[in-house]
Amino acid sequence: MNGLSVNRACSAGAAFLGGISLIALAAIFLLTKNPMIVWLGLLFIALVFACVVLFIVFLRRKLVLFSDSLCRTIDDMLDGTAPPPQIYEEENLFYKINHRLLRLYEVMQENRERVAKDRADLQELISDISHQVKTPIANLQMVNATLLEQSVPEEKRQEFLQASSGQLDKLDFLMQAMIKTSRLETGVISLDRKTQLLYDTLAAALGGILLNAEKKNIHVSVDCSPDLALAHDRKWTGEALFNLLDNAVKYTPEGGTIRVSVESWELYVKIDIADSGKGIAENRQGMIFKRFYREEEVHDVDGIGIGLYLAREIITMQGGYIKVTSAPGRGSVFSVFLPRKIQL
């Protein structure tokens, strides 16, 4: 049956029915001896065969047209030029096939858009990384060439080595930040959210910035209940809070202040990190969370512009969000909102 073509199947069926009809007519003639009945039987069989042939021709024509339309539709879907045509006869077999083709086309379009977006993101990432590593590598090459080609005093040599060490630290920080970001974005690391004290997480984040704050004589105050608990990943939430606090220290002038306050709401816990730094213009507040974004006037401050991006990714993955309130010359307030319970 699998190797039998439609034409051969129709021919075999017609031959079988014709044979059965002739045998039936012969039996009727032998029983009745009336040739008129035989002629009438032949006429009826001829009409039946004509109707069957017309139906088969009509059905074959419909199938050929549908197969041609299906091939064109699939070609258009593969090229991404046009969706399948709409068919509104809901009880029609063609409608069922067309409905699934429409769904397949939508899935293919979504995949195309996702691939295009991933490709664009990858190109942007490669461009950003190449831009970020260009300056440290150029500086390292210059220092290395100077030490190899020229005879320099020991004091100058130590200065060159310290400058080289600083550039290596910058490259290492960039690579570590990129590794953390890529592992979060690709789902290699899943956040382990469980109910635990926020005070301990905040204390660990503050421990990473106190030394730099003391060097700049920045006063840091904290207002957080030691008994406040909420569902969060301690390690990665601490990373996000540290990035926000580190930014506050970098952009707050000497003798400034940083205030950390925590409020417990019914559904969220709000963590405010307020500084007395230079502030951020309103038209730039939507750009500061972009990867590698840095304002032109702060390029003399150490950093690569990935801390805020990473902080937002970590908080968003836990069902929260970050809001910034700022104005030039009035400092900035970064508000972190974390849900109190794990959202199913």
C-alpha atoms as a PDB file:
ATOM      1  CA  MET A   1       0.000   0.000   0.000  1.00  0.00           C
ATOM      2  CA  ASN A   2       2.845   2.425   0.787  1.00  0.00           C
ATOM      3  CA  GLY A   3       4.354   1.938  -2.676  1.00  0.00           C
ATOM      4  CA  LEU A   4       1.035   2.206  -4.542  1.00  0.00           C
ATOM      5  CA  SER A   5       0.478   5.502  -6.362  1.00  0.00           C
ATOM      6  CA  VAL A   6      -2.853   7.342  -6.370  1.00  0.00           C
ATOM      7  CA  ASN A   7      -3.347   6.776 -10.137  1.00  0.00           C
ATOM      8  CA  ARG A   8      -2.736   3.035  -9.838  1.00  0.00           C
ATOM      9  CA  ALA A   9      -5.017   2.821  -6.829  1.00  0.00           C
ATOM     10  CA  CYS A  10      -7.817   4.566  -8.775  1.00  0.00           C
ATOM     11  CA  SER A  11      -7.282   2.300 -11.811  1.00  0.00           C
ATOM     12  CA  ALA A  12      -7.303  -0.824  -9.662  1.00  0.00           C
ATOM     13  CA  GLY A  13     -10.450   0.330  -7.871  1.00  0.00           C
ATOM     14  CA  ALA A  14     -12.188   1.126 -11.174  1.00  0.00           C
ATOM     15  CA  ALA A  15     -11.240  -2.277 -12.617  1.00  0.00           C
ATOM     16  CA  PHE A  16     -12.458  -4.064  -9.516  1.00  0.00           C
ATOM     17  CA  LEU A  17     -15.790  -2.213  -9.472  1.00  0.00           C
ATOM     18  CA  GLY A  18     -16.209  -2.739 -13.233  1.00  0.00           C
ATOM     19  CA  GLY A  19     -15.632  -6.461 -12.841  1.00  0.00           C
ATOM     20  CA  ILE A  20     -18.105  -6.690  -9.980  1.00  0.00           C
ATOM     21  CA  SER A  21     -20.679  -4.725 -12.021  1.00  0.00           C
ATOM     22  CA  LEU A  22     -20.307  -7.027 -15.055  1.00  0.00           C
ATOM     23  CA  ILE A  23     -20.649 -10.112 -12.914  1.00  0.00           C
ATOM     24  CA  ALA A  24     -23.782  -8.640 -11.286  1.00  0.00           C
ATOM     25  CA  LEU A  25     -25.298  -7.795 -14.709  1.00  0.00           C
ATOM     26  CA  ALA A  26     -24.537 -11.271 -16.012  1.00  0.00           C
ATOM     27  CA  ALA A  27     -26.242 -12.799 -12.972  1.00  0.00           C
ATOM     28  CA  ILE A  28     -29.309 -10.561 -13.438  1.00  0.00           C
ATOM     29  CA  PHE A  29     -29.533 -11.499 -17.147  1.00  0.00           C
ATOM     30  CA  LEU A  30     -29.346 -15.226 -16.345  1.00  0.00           C
ATOM     31  CA  LEU A  31     -32.081 -14.871 -13.749  1.00  0.00           C
ATOM     32  CA  THR A  32     -34.457 -12.591 -15.688  1.00  0.00           C
ATOM     33  CA  LYS A  33     -33.592 -13.249 -19.390  1.00  0.00           C
ATOM     34  CA  ASN A  34     -34.601  -9.586 -19.937  1.00  0.00           C
ATOM     35  CA  PRO A  35     -32.037  -7.575 -21.971  1.00  0.00           C
ATOM     36  CA  MET A  36     -33.788  -4.283 -21.094  1.00  0.00           C
ATOM     37  CA  ILE A  37     -32.820  -4.661 -17.452  1.00  0.00           C
ATOM     38  CA  VAL A  38     -29.237  -5.313 -18.496  1.00  0.00           C
ATOM     39  CA  TRP A  39     -29.166  -2.127 -20.622  1.00  0.00           C
ATOM     40  CA  LEU A  40     -30.661  -0.121 -17.796  1.00  0.00           C
ATOM     41  CA  GLY A  41     -28.064  -1.580 -15.414  1.00  0.00           C
ATOM     42  CA  LEU A  42     -25.291  -0.670 -17.833  1.00  0.00           C
ATOM     43  CA  LEU A  43     -26.652   2.883 -18.101  1.00  0.00           C
ATOM     44  CA  PHE A  44     -26.799   3.202 -14.310  1.00  0.00           C
ATOM     45  CA  ILE A  45     -23.269   1.867 -13.911  1.00  0.00           C
ATOM     46  CA  ALA A  46     -22.023   4.283 -16.605  1.00  0.00           C
ATOM     47  CA  LEU A  47     -23.648   7.215 -14.787  1.00  0.00           C
ATOM     48  CA  VAL A  48     -22.171   6.109 -11.491  1.00  0.00           C
ATOM     49  CA  PHE A  49     -18.730   5.742 -13.066  1.00  0.00           C
ATOM     50  CA  ALA A  50     -19.053   9.186 -14.678  1.00  0.00           C
ATOM     51  CA  CYS A  51     -19.930  10.743 -11.319  1.00  0.00           C
ATOM     52  CA  VAL A  52     -17.024   8.950  -9.644  1.00  0.00           C
ATOM     53  CA  VAL A  53     -14.619  10.067 -12.374  1.00  0.00           C
ATOM     54  CA  LEU A  54     -15.822  13.665 -12.125  1.00  0.00           C
ATOM     55  CA  PHE A  55     -15.463  13.575  -8.345  1.00  0.00           C
ATOM     56  CA  ILE A  56     -11.948  12.114  -8.587  1.00  0.00           C
ATOM     57  CA  VAL A  57     -10.951  14.732 -11.169  1.00  0.00           C
ATOM     58  CA  PHE A  58     -12.362  17.485  -8.954  1.00  0.00           C
ATOM     59  CA  LEU A  59     -10.643  16.093  -5.850  1.00  0.00           C
ATOM     60  CA  ARG A  60      -7.369  15.625  -7.730  1.00  0.00           C
ATOM     61  CA  ARG A  61      -7.575  19.188  -9.005  1.00  0.00           C
ATOM     62  CA  LYS A  62      -8.183  20.487  -5.471  1.00  0.00           C
ATOM     63  CA  LEU A  63      -5.270  18.457  -4.132  1.00  0.00           C
ATOM     64  CA  VAL A  64      -2.956  19.703  -6.887  1.00  0.00           C
ATOM     65  CA  LEU A  65      -3.942  23.318  -6.235  1.00  0.00           C
ATOM     66  CA  PHE A  66      -3.561  22.836  -2.489  1.00  0.00           C
ATOM     67  CA  SER A  67      -0.165  21.160  -2.856  1.00  0.00           C
ATOM     68  CA  ASP A  68       1.042  23.982  -5.128  1.00  0.00           C
ATOM     69  CA  SER A  69      -0.257  26.564  -2.654  1.00  0.00           C
ATOM     70  CA  LEU A  70       1.315  24.650   0.237  1.00  0.00           C
ATOM     71  CA  CYS A  71       4.696  24.553  -1.533  1.00  0.00           C
ATOM     72  CA  ARG A  72       4.542  28.285  -2.250  1.00  0.00           C
ATOM     73  CA  THR A  73       3.518  28.996   1.332  1.00  0.00           C
ATOM     74  CA  ILE A  74       6.367  26.900   2.750  1.00  0.00           C
ATOM     75  CA  ASP A  75       8.855  28.591   0.399  1.00  0.00           C
ATOM     76  CA  ASP A  76       7.617  32.015   1.533  1.00  0.00           C
ATOM     77  CA  MET A  77       7.836  30.914   5.164  1.00  0.00           C
ATOM     78  CA  LEU A  78      11.413  29.710   4.689  1.00  0.00           C
ATOM     79  CA  ASP A  79      12.322  33.002   3.028  1.00  0.00           C
ATOM     80  CA  GLY A  80      10.442  34.954   5.702  1.00  0.00           C
ATOM     81  CA  THR A  81       8.720  37.057   3.030  1.00  0.00           C
ATOM     82  CA  ALA A  82       5.046  36.444   3.773  1.00  0.00           C
ATOM     83  CA  PRO A  83       2.819  34.584   6.260  1.00  0.00           C
ATOM     84  CA  PRO A  84       0.407  31.822   5.139  1.00  0.00           C
ATOM     85  CA  PRO A  85      -2.909  33.125   3.702  1.00  0.00           C
ATOM     86  CA  GLN A  86      -5.902  33.204   6.018  1.00  0.00           C
ATOM     87  CA  ILE A  87      -8.576  30.510   5.557  1.00  0.00           C
ATOM     88  CA  TYR A  88     -11.813  30.981   7.460  1.00  0.00           C
ATOM     89  CA  GLU A  89     -13.627  27.681   6.776  1.00  0.00           C
ATOM     90  CA  GLU A  90     -13.156  26.242  10.223  1.00  0.00           C
ATOM     91  CA  GLU A  91     -14.488  22.759   9.404  1.00  0.00           C
ATOM     92  CA  ASN A  92     -12.271  22.470   6.348  1.00  0.00           C
ATOM     93  CA  LEU A  93      -9.275  20.127   6.394  1.00  0.00           C
ATOM     94  CA  PHE A  94      -7.264  22.816   4.616  1.00  0.00           C
ATOM     95  CA  TYR A  95      -8.114  25.215   7.414  1.00  0.00           C
ATOM     96  CA  LYS A  96      -6.612  22.875  10.011  1.00  0.00           C
ATOM     97  CA  ILE A  97      -3.396  22.558   8.026  1.00  0.00           C
ATOM     98  CA  ASN A  98      -3.306  26.297   7.385  1.00  0.00           C
ATOM     99  CA  HIS A  99      -3.852  27.033  11.076  1.00  0.00           C
ATOM    100  CA  ARG A 100      -0.805  24.965  12.001  1.00  0.00           C
ATOM    101  CA  LEU A 101       1.220  26.572   9.244  1.00  0.00           C
ATOM    102  CA  LEU A 102       0.357  29.979  10.682  1.00  0.00           C
ATOM    103  CA  ARG A 103       1.522  28.846  14.097  1.00  0.00           C
ATOM    104  CA  LEU A 104       4.716  27.426  12.596  1.00  0.00           C
ATOM    105  CA  TYR A 105       5.316  30.705  10.756  1.00  0.00           C
ATOM    106  CA  GLU A 106       4.916  32.683  13.988  1.00  0.00           C
ATOM    107  CA  VAL A 107       7.395  30.411  15.777  1.00  0.00           C
ATOM    108  CA  MET A 108       9.870  30.738  12.901  1.00  0.00           C
ATOM    109  CA  GLN A 109       9.516  34.529  12.943  1.00  0.00           C
ATOM    110  CA  GLU A 110      10.110  34.606  16.691  1.00  0.00           C
ATOM    111  CA  ASN A 111      13.207  32.452  16.248  1.00  0.00           C
ATOM    112  CA  ARG A 112      14.467  34.710  13.451  1.00  0.00           C
ATOM    113  CA  GLU A 113      13.973  37.806  15.587  1.00  0.00           C
ATOM    114  CA  ARG A 114      15.648  36.134  18.566  1.00  0.00           C
ATOM    115  CA  VAL A 115      18.628  35.065  16.461  1.00  0.00           C
ATOM    116  CA  ALA A 116      18.896  38.551  14.941  1.00  0.00           C
ATOM    117  CA  LYS A 117      18.744  40.144  18.401  1.00  0.00           C
ATOM    118  CA  ASP A 118      21.330  37.718  19.786  1.00  0.00           C
ATOM    119  CA  ARG A 119      23.604  38.426  16.835  1.00  0.00           C
ATOM    120  CA  ALA A 120      23.235  42.184  17.298  1.00  0.00           C
ATOM    121  CA  ASP A 121      23.857  41.855  21.044  1.00  0.00           C
ATOM    122  CA  LEU A 122      26.935  39.737  20.387  1.00  0.00           C
ATOM    123  CA  GLN A 123      28.319  42.257  17.905  1.00  0.00           C
ATOM    124  CA  GLU A 124      27.657  45.093  20.345  1.00  0.00           C
ATOM    125  CA  LEU A 125      29.308  43.121  23.154  1.00  0.00           C
ATOM    126  CA  ILE A 126      32.388  42.367  21.042  1.00  0.00           C
ATOM    127  CA  SER A 127      32.608  46.027  20.059  1.00  0.00           C
ATOM    128  CA  ASP A 128      32.266  47.134  23.692  1.00  0.00           C
ATOM    129  CA  ILE A 129      34.889  44.671  24.929  1.00  0.00           C
ATOM    130  CA  SER A 130      37.358  45.640  22.203  1.00  0.00           C
ATOM    131  CA  HIS A 131      36.837  49.296  23.104  1.00  0.00           C
ATOM    132  CA  GLN A 132      37.346  48.624  26.810  1.00  0.00           C
ATOM    133  CA  VAL A 133      40.532  46.560  26.416  1.00  0.00           C
ATOM    134  CA  LYS A 134      42.096  48.805  23.771  1.00  0.00           C
ATOM    135  CA  THR A 135      43.417  51.431  26.204  1.00  0.00           C
ATOM    136  CA  PRO A 136      44.872  49.043  28.858  1.00  0.00           C
ATOM    137  CA  ILE A 137      46.571  46.928  26.195  1.00  0.00           C
ATOM    138  CA  ALA A 138      48.011  50.018  24.477  1.00  0.00           C
ATOM    139  CA  ASN A 139      49.338  51.261  27.832  1.00  0.00           C
ATOM    140  CA  LEU A 140      50.850  47.877  28.629  1.00  0.00           C
ATOM    141  CA  GLN A 141      52.534  47.725  25.227  1.00  0.00           C
ATOM    142  CA  MET A 142      53.954  51.218  25.693  1.00  0.00           C
ATOM    143  CA  VAL A 143      55.307  50.424  29.181  1.00  0.00           C
ATOM    144  CA  ASN A 144      56.717  47.110  28.042  1.00  0.00           C
ATOM    145  CA  ALA A 145      58.411  48.680  24.995  1.00  0.00           C
ATOM    146  CA  THR A 146      59.911  51.445  27.173  1.00  0.00           C
ATOM    147  CA  LEU A 147      61.351  48.949  29.661  1.00  0.00           C
ATOM    148  CA  LEU A 148      62.758  46.750  26.893  1.00  0.00           C
ATOM    149  CA  GLU A 149      64.229  49.442  24.645  1.00  0.00           C
ATOM    150  CA  GLN A 150      65.433  52.068  27.129  1.00  0.00           C
ATOM    151  CA  SER A 151      67.550  52.070  30.225  1.00  0.00           C
ATOM    152  CA  VAL A 152      65.529  53.723  32.982  1.00  0.00           C
ATOM    153  CA  PRO A 153      66.412  54.464  36.612  1.00  0.00           C
ATOM    154  CA  GLU A 154      65.152  52.093  39.264  1.00  0.00           C
ATOM    155  CA  GLU A 155      62.685  54.646  40.612  1.00  0.00           C
ATOM    156  CA  LYS A 156      61.212  55.209  37.145  1.00  0.00           C
ATOM    157  CA  ARG A 157      61.146  51.478  36.549  1.00  0.00           C
ATOM    158  CA  GLN A 158      59.056  50.982  39.684  1.00  0.00           C
ATOM    159  CA  GLU A 159      56.607  53.646  38.461  1.00  0.00           C
ATOM    160  CA  PHE A 160      56.260  51.853  35.134  1.00  0.00           C
ATOM    161  CA  LEU A 161      55.694  48.524  36.874  1.00  0.00           C
ATOM    162  CA  GLN A 162      53.028  50.053  39.132  1.00  0.00           C
ATOM    163  CA  ALA A 163      51.291  51.564  36.097  1.00  0.00           C
ATOM    164  CA  SER A 164      51.466  48.181  34.367  1.00  0.00           C
ATOM    165  CA  SER A 165      50.009  46.492  37.450  1.00  0.00           C
ATOM    166  CA  GLY A 166      47.113  48.979  37.452  1.00  0.00           C
ATOM    167  CA  GLN A 167      46.304  48.224  33.819  1.00  0.00           C
ATOM    168  CA  LEU A 168      46.434  44.481  34.498  1.00  0.00           C
ATOM    169  CA  ASP A 169      44.068  44.941  37.437  1.00  0.00           C
ATOM    170  CA  LYS A 170      41.679  46.816  35.141  1.00  0.00           C
ATOM    171  CA  LEU A 171      41.765  44.011  32.564  1.00  0.00           C
ATOM    172  CA  ASP A 172      41.231  41.404  35.277  1.00  0.00           C
ATOM    173  CA  PHE A 173      38.275  43.352  36.702  1.00  0.00           C
ATOM    174  CA  LEU A 174      36.779  43.644  33.206  1.00  0.00           C
ATOM    175  CA  MET A 175      37.096  39.924  32.556  1.00  0.00           C
ATOM    176  CA  GLN A 176      35.640  38.988  35.939  1.00  0.00           C
ATOM    177  CA  ALA A 177      32.687  41.349  35.415  1.00  0.00           C
ATOM    178  CA  MET A 178      32.053  39.963  31.937  1.00  0.00           C
ATOM    179  CA  ILE A 179      32.203  36.380  33.217  1.00  0.00           C
ATOM    180  CA  LYS A 180      29.657  37.168  35.958  1.00  0.00           C
ATOM    181  CA  THR A 181      27.366  38.919  33.472  1.00  0.00           C
ATOM    182  CA  SER A 182      27.517  36.167  30.856  1.00  0.00           C
ATOM    183  CA  ARG A 183      26.927  33.423  33.422  1.00  0.00           C
ATOM    184  CA  LEU A 184      23.847  35.234  34.715  1.00  0.00           C
ATOM    185  CA  GLU A 185      22.459  36.043  31.257  1.00  0.00           C
ATOM    186  CA  THR A 186      22.925  32.511  29.908  1.00  0.00           C
ATOM    187  CA  GLY A 187      21.406  30.876  32.980  1.00  0.00           C
ATOM    188  CA  VAL A 188      24.597  29.038  33.932  1.00  0.00           C
ATOM    189  CA  ILE A 189      24.078  30.412  37.436  1.00  0.00           C
ATOM    190  CA  SER A 190      20.627  30.161  38.976  1.00  0.00           C
ATOM    191  CA  LEU A 191      19.903  32.417  41.919  1.00  0.00           C
ATOM    192  CA  ASP A 192      19.236  30.554  45.168  1.00  0.00           C
ATOM    193  CA  ARG A 193      16.506  32.627  46.770  1.00  0.00           C
ATOM    194  CA  LYS A 194      15.621  31.775  50.336  1.00  0.00           C
ATOM    195  CA  THR A 195      14.327  33.736  53.296  1.00  0.00           C
ATOM    196  CA  GLN A 196      17.249  35.160  55.275  1.00  0.00           C
ATOM    197  CA  LEU A 197      18.346  38.301  57.098  1.00  0.00           C
ATOM    198  CA  LEU A 198      18.959  41.306  54.860  1.00  0.00           C
ATOM    199  CA  TYR A 199      21.189  42.922  57.498  1.00  0.00           C
ATOM    200  CA  ASP A 200      23.933  40.312  56.972  1.00  0.00           C
ATOM    201  CA  THR A 201      23.806  40.732  53.187  1.00  0.00           C
ATOM    202  CA  LEU A 202      23.986  44.505  53.472  1.00  0.00           C
ATOM    203  CA  ALA A 203      26.849  44.300  55.991  1.00  0.00           C
ATOM    204  CA  ALA A 204      28.897  42.149  53.597  1.00  0.00           C
ATOM    205  CA  ALA A 205      28.336  44.682  50.782  1.00  0.00           C
ATOM    206  CA  LEU A 206      29.293  47.602  53.047  1.00  0.00           C
ATOM    207  CA  GLY A 207      32.472  45.826  54.110  1.00  0.00           C
ATOM    208  CA  GLY A 208      33.776  46.080  50.543  1.00  0.00           C
ATOM    209  CA  ILE A 209      33.540  49.884  50.337  1.00  0.00           C
ATOM    210  CA  LEU A 210      34.401  51.122  53.849  1.00  0.00           C
ATOM    211  CA  LEU A 211      38.157  51.345  53.181  1.00  0.00           C
ATOM    212  CA  ASN A 212      37.717  53.494  50.070  1.00  0.00           C
ATOM    213  CA  ALA A 213      35.105  55.582  51.899  1.00  0.00           C
ATOM    214  CA  GLU A 214      37.577  56.223  54.741  1.00  0.00           C
ATOM    215  CA  LYS A 215      40.275  57.280  52.264  1.00  0.00           C
ATOM    216  CA  LYS A 216      37.930  59.976  50.934  1.00  0.00           C
ATOM    217  CA  ASN A 217      36.633  60.847  54.426  1.00  0.00           C
ATOM    218  CA  ILE A 218      33.081  59.921  53.384  1.00  0.00           C
ATOM    219  CA  HIS A 219      30.636  59.392  56.229  1.00  0.00           C
ATOM    220  CA  VAL A 220      28.515  56.251  55.741  1.00  0.00           C
ATOM    221  CA  SER A 221      25.346  55.793  57.813  1.00  0.00           C
ATOM    222  CA  VAL A 222      23.094  52.729  57.817  1.00  0.00           C
ATOM    223  CA  ASP A 223      19.516  52.349  59.012  1.00  0.00           C
ATOM    224  CA  CYS A 224      18.428  48.703  58.757  1.00  0.00           C
ATOM    225  CA  SER A 225      16.605  46.494  61.216  1.00  0.00           C
ATOM    226  CA  PRO A 226      18.782  43.486  62.159  1.00  0.00           C
ATOM    227  CA  ASP A 227      15.668  41.273  62.262  1.00  0.00           C
ATOM    228  CA  LEU A 228      14.367  42.074  58.759  1.00  0.00           C
ATOM    229  CA  ALA A 229      14.210  38.926  56.623  1.00  0.00           C
ATOM    230  CA  LEU A 230      13.169  38.461  53.022  1.00  0.00           C
ATOM    231  CA  ALA A 231      13.665  35.976  50.196  1.00  0.00           C
ATOM    232  CA  HIS A 232      16.883  36.722  48.287  1.00  0.00           C
ATOM    233  CA  ASP A 233      20.133  35.239  47.084  1.00  0.00           C
ATOM    234  CA  ARG A 234      22.694  36.476  49.597  1.00  0.00           C
ATOM    235  CA  LYS A 235      25.792  36.263  47.374  1.00  0.00           C
ATOM    236  CA  TRP A 236      24.375  37.900  44.251  1.00  0.00           C
ATOM    237  CA  THR A 237      22.220  40.445  46.069  1.00  0.00           C
ATOM    238  CA  GLY A 238      25.335  41.439  47.995  1.00  0.00           C
ATOM    239  CA  GLU A 239      27.117  41.820  44.653  1.00  0.00           C
ATOM    240  CA  ALA A 240      24.381  44.133  43.362  1.00  0.00           C
ATOM    241  CA  LEU A 241      24.354  46.255  46.543  1.00  0.00           C
ATOM    242  CA  PHE A 242      28.154  46.458  46.524  1.00  0.00           C
ATOM    243  CA  ASN A 243      28.123  47.759  42.937  1.00  0.00           C
ATOM    244  CA  LEU A 244      25.647  50.488  43.900  1.00  0.00           C
ATOM    245  CA  LEU A 245      27.630  51.413  47.013  1.00  0.00           C
ATOM    246  CA  ASP A 246      30.927  51.351  45.115  1.00  0.00           C
ATOM    247  CA  ASN A 247      29.470  53.759  42.554  1.00  0.00           C
ATOM    248  CA  ALA A 248      28.309  56.038  45.353  1.00  0.00           C
ATOM    249  CA  VAL A 249      31.833  56.143  46.824  1.00  0.00           C
ATOM    250  CA  LYS A 250      33.439  56.795  43.435  1.00  0.00           C
ATOM    251  CA  TYR A 251      31.219  59.736  42.541  1.00  0.00           C
ATOM    252  CA  THR A 252      30.918  61.306  45.985  1.00  0.00           C
ATOM    253  CA  PRO A 253      33.547  63.992  46.671  1.00  0.00           C
ATOM    254  CA  GLU A 254      35.817  63.947  49.703  1.00  0.00           C
ATOM    255  CA  GLY A 255      34.006  64.761  52.926  1.00  0.00           C
ATOM    256  CA  GLY A 256      30.641  63.729  51.452  1.00  0.00           C
ATOM    257  CA  THR A 257      28.003  61.423  52.887  1.00  0.00           C
ATOM    258  CA  ILE A 258      26.345  58.139  51.927  1.00  0.00           C
ATOM    259  CA  ARG A 259      23.102  57.105  53.641  1.00  0.00           C
ATOM    260  CA  VAL A 260      21.719  53.582  53.441  1.00  0.00           C
ATOM    261  CA  SER A 261      18.161  53.123  54.688  1.00  0.00           C
ATOM    262  CA  VAL A 262      15.828  50.119  54.517  1.00  0.00           C
ATOM    263  CA  GLU A 263      12.031  50.249  54.637  1.00  0.00           C
ATOM    264  CA  SER A 264       9.785  47.206  54.969  1.00  0.00           C
ATOM    265  CA  TRP A 265       6.566  47.353  52.969  1.00  0.00           C
ATOM    266  CA  GLU A 266       3.781  44.820  52.614  1.00  0.00           C
ATOM    267  CA  LEU A 267       5.013  43.284  49.352  1.00  0.00           C
ATOM    268  CA  TYR A 268       8.470  44.786  48.883  1.00  0.00           C
ATOM    269  CA  VAL A 269      11.527  45.799  50.868  1.00  0.00           C
ATOM    270  CA  LYS A 270      12.976  49.127  49.735  1.00  0.00           C
ATOM    271  CA  ILE A 271      16.724  49.767  50.053  1.00  0.00           C
ATOM    272  CA  ASP A 272      17.771  53.392  49.472  1.00  0.00           C
ATOM    273  CA  ILE A 273      21.412  54.251  48.777  1.00  0.00           C
ATOM    274  CA  ALA A 274      21.709  58.043  48.795  1.00  0.00           C
ATOM    275  CA  ASP A 275      24.914  59.972  48.123  1.00  0.00           C
ATOM    276  CA  SER A 276      25.949  63.609  48.029  1.00  0.00           C
ATOM    277  CA  GLY A 277      27.734  63.292  44.703  1.00  0.00           C
ATOM    278  CA  LYS A 278      27.479  65.285  41.515  1.00  0.00           C
ATOM    279  CA  GLY A 279      24.079  63.857  40.531  1.00  0.00           C
ATOM    280  CA  ILE A 280      22.761  62.633  37.190  1.00  0.00           C
ATOM    281  CA  ALA A 281      20.824  64.640  34.630  1.00  0.00           C
ATOM    282  CA  GLU A 282      17.277  63.395  33.987  1.00  0.00           C
ATOM    283  CA  ASN A 283      17.929  62.717  30.286  1.00  0.00           C
ATOM    284  CA  ARG A 284      20.779  60.359  31.227  1.00  0.00           C
ATOM    285  CA  GLN A 285      19.069  58.415  33.984  1.00  0.00           C
ATOM    286  CA  GLY A 286      17.687  55.858  31.527  1.00  0.00           C
ATOM    287  CA  MET A 287      21.128  55.231  30.024  1.00  0.00           C
ATOM    288  CA  ILE A 288      23.238  54.646  33.123  1.00  0.00           C
ATOM    289  CA  PHE A 289      22.126  51.005  33.394  1.00  0.00           C
ATOM    290  CA  LYS A 290      23.347  50.260  29.883  1.00  0.00           C
ATOM    291  CA  ARG A 291      26.375  47.997  29.686  1.00  0.00           C
ATOM    292  CA  PHE A 292      29.677  49.952  29.466  1.00  0.00           C
ATOM    293  CA  TYR A 293      27.899  53.321  29.588  1.00  0.00           C
ATOM    294  CA  ARG A 294      29.898  56.106  31.227  1.00  0.00           C
ATOM    295  CA  GLU A 295      29.364  59.849  31.162  1.00  0.00           C
ATOM    296  CA  GLU A 296      32.024  61.864  29.395  1.00  0.00           C
ATOM    297  CA  GLU A 297      32.871  64.026  32.405  1.00  0.00           C
ATOM    298  CA  VAL A 298      33.656  61.065  34.716  1.00  0.00           C
ATOM    299  CA  HIS A 299      36.155  59.198  32.538  1.00  0.00           C
ATOM    300  CA  ASP A 300      38.921  60.163  34.945  1.00  0.00           C
ATOM    301  CA  VAL A 301      37.216  58.018  37.631  1.00  0.00           C
ATOM    302  CA  ASP A 302      38.180  54.335  37.745  1.00  0.00           C
ATOM    303  CA  GLY A 303      35.548  52.020  36.324  1.00  0.00           C
ATOM    304  CA  ILE A 304      34.312  50.365  33.147  1.00  0.00           C
ATOM    305  CA  GLY A 305      30.578  51.094  33.347  1.00  0.00           C
ATOM    306  CA  ILE A 306      29.268  47.601  34.029  1.00  0.00           C
ATOM    307  CA  GLY A 307      28.428  47.732  37.746  1.00  0.00           C
ATOM    308  CA  LEU A 308      24.963  49.283  37.403  1.00  0.00           C
ATOM    309  CA  TYR A 309      24.103  46.963  34.510  1.00  0.00           C
ATOM    310  CA  LEU A 310      25.065  43.901  36.551  1.00  0.00           C
ATOM    311  CA  ALA A 311      23.181  45.197  39.614  1.00  0.00           C
ATOM    312  CA  ARG A 312      19.990  45.682  37.610  1.00  0.00           C
ATOM    313  CA  GLU A 313      20.268  42.191  36.087  1.00  0.00           C
ATOM    314  CA  ILE A 314      20.652  40.587  39.520  1.00  0.00           C
ATOM    315  CA  ILE A 315      17.733  42.469  41.073  1.00  0.00           C
ATOM    316  CA  THR A 316      15.470  41.898  38.046  1.00  0.00           C
ATOM    317  CA  MET A 317      16.152  38.158  38.088  1.00  0.00           C
ATOM    318  CA  GLN A 318      14.798  38.089  41.657  1.00  0.00           C
ATOM    319  CA  GLY A 319      11.549  39.809  40.690  1.00  0.00           C
ATOM    320  CA  GLY A 320      12.617  43.270  41.849  1.00  0.00           C
ATOM    321  CA  TYR A 321      13.645  46.503  40.199  1.00  0.00           C
ATOM    322  CA  ILE A 322      15.892  49.553  40.682  1.00  0.00           C
ATOM    323  CA  LYS A 323      14.761  53.173  40.564  1.00  0.00           C
ATOM    324  CA  VAL A 324      17.019  56.231  40.463  1.00  0.00           C
ATOM    325  CA  THR A 325      16.166  59.741  41.661  1.00  0.00           C
ATOM    326  CA  SER A 326      18.750  62.393  40.964  1.00  0.00           C
ATOM    327  CA  ALA A 327      19.494  65.941  39.831  1.00  0.00           C
ATOM    328  CA  PRO A 328      22.785  67.644  38.930  1.00  0.00           C
ATOM    329  CA  GLY A 329      24.523  68.991  42.034  1.00  0.00           C
ATOM    330  CA  ARG A 330      22.055  67.314  44.442  1.00  0.00           C
ATOM    331  CA  GLY A 331      23.366  63.788  44.630  1.00  0.00           C
ATOM    332  CA  SER A 332      21.594  60.554  43.705  1.00  0.00           C
ATOM    333  CA  VAL A 333      19.306  58.026  45.370  1.00  0.00           C
ATOM    334  CA  PHE A 334      19.281  54.474  44.039  1.00  0.00           C
ATOM    335  CA  SER A 335      16.244  52.592  45.357  1.00  0.00           C
ATOM    336  CA  VAL A 336      16.283  48.808  45.233  1.00  0.00           C
ATOM    337  CA  PHE A 337      12.901  47.056  45.515  1.00  0.00           C
ATOM    338  CA  LEU A 338      13.005  43.356  46.401  1.00  0.00           C
ATOM    339  CA  PRO A 339       9.852  41.221  46.864  1.00  0.00           C
ATOM    340  CA  ARG A 340       9.437  39.969  50.425  1.00  0.00           C
ATOM    341  CA  LYS A 341       8.411  36.471  49.310  1.00  0.00           C
ATOM    342  CA  ILE A 342       9.335  34.179  46.451  1.00  0.00           C
ATOM    343  CA  GLN A 343       6.932  34.804  43.571  1.00  0.00           C
ATOM    344  CA  LEU A 344       5.714  31.573  41.970  1.00  0.00           C
END
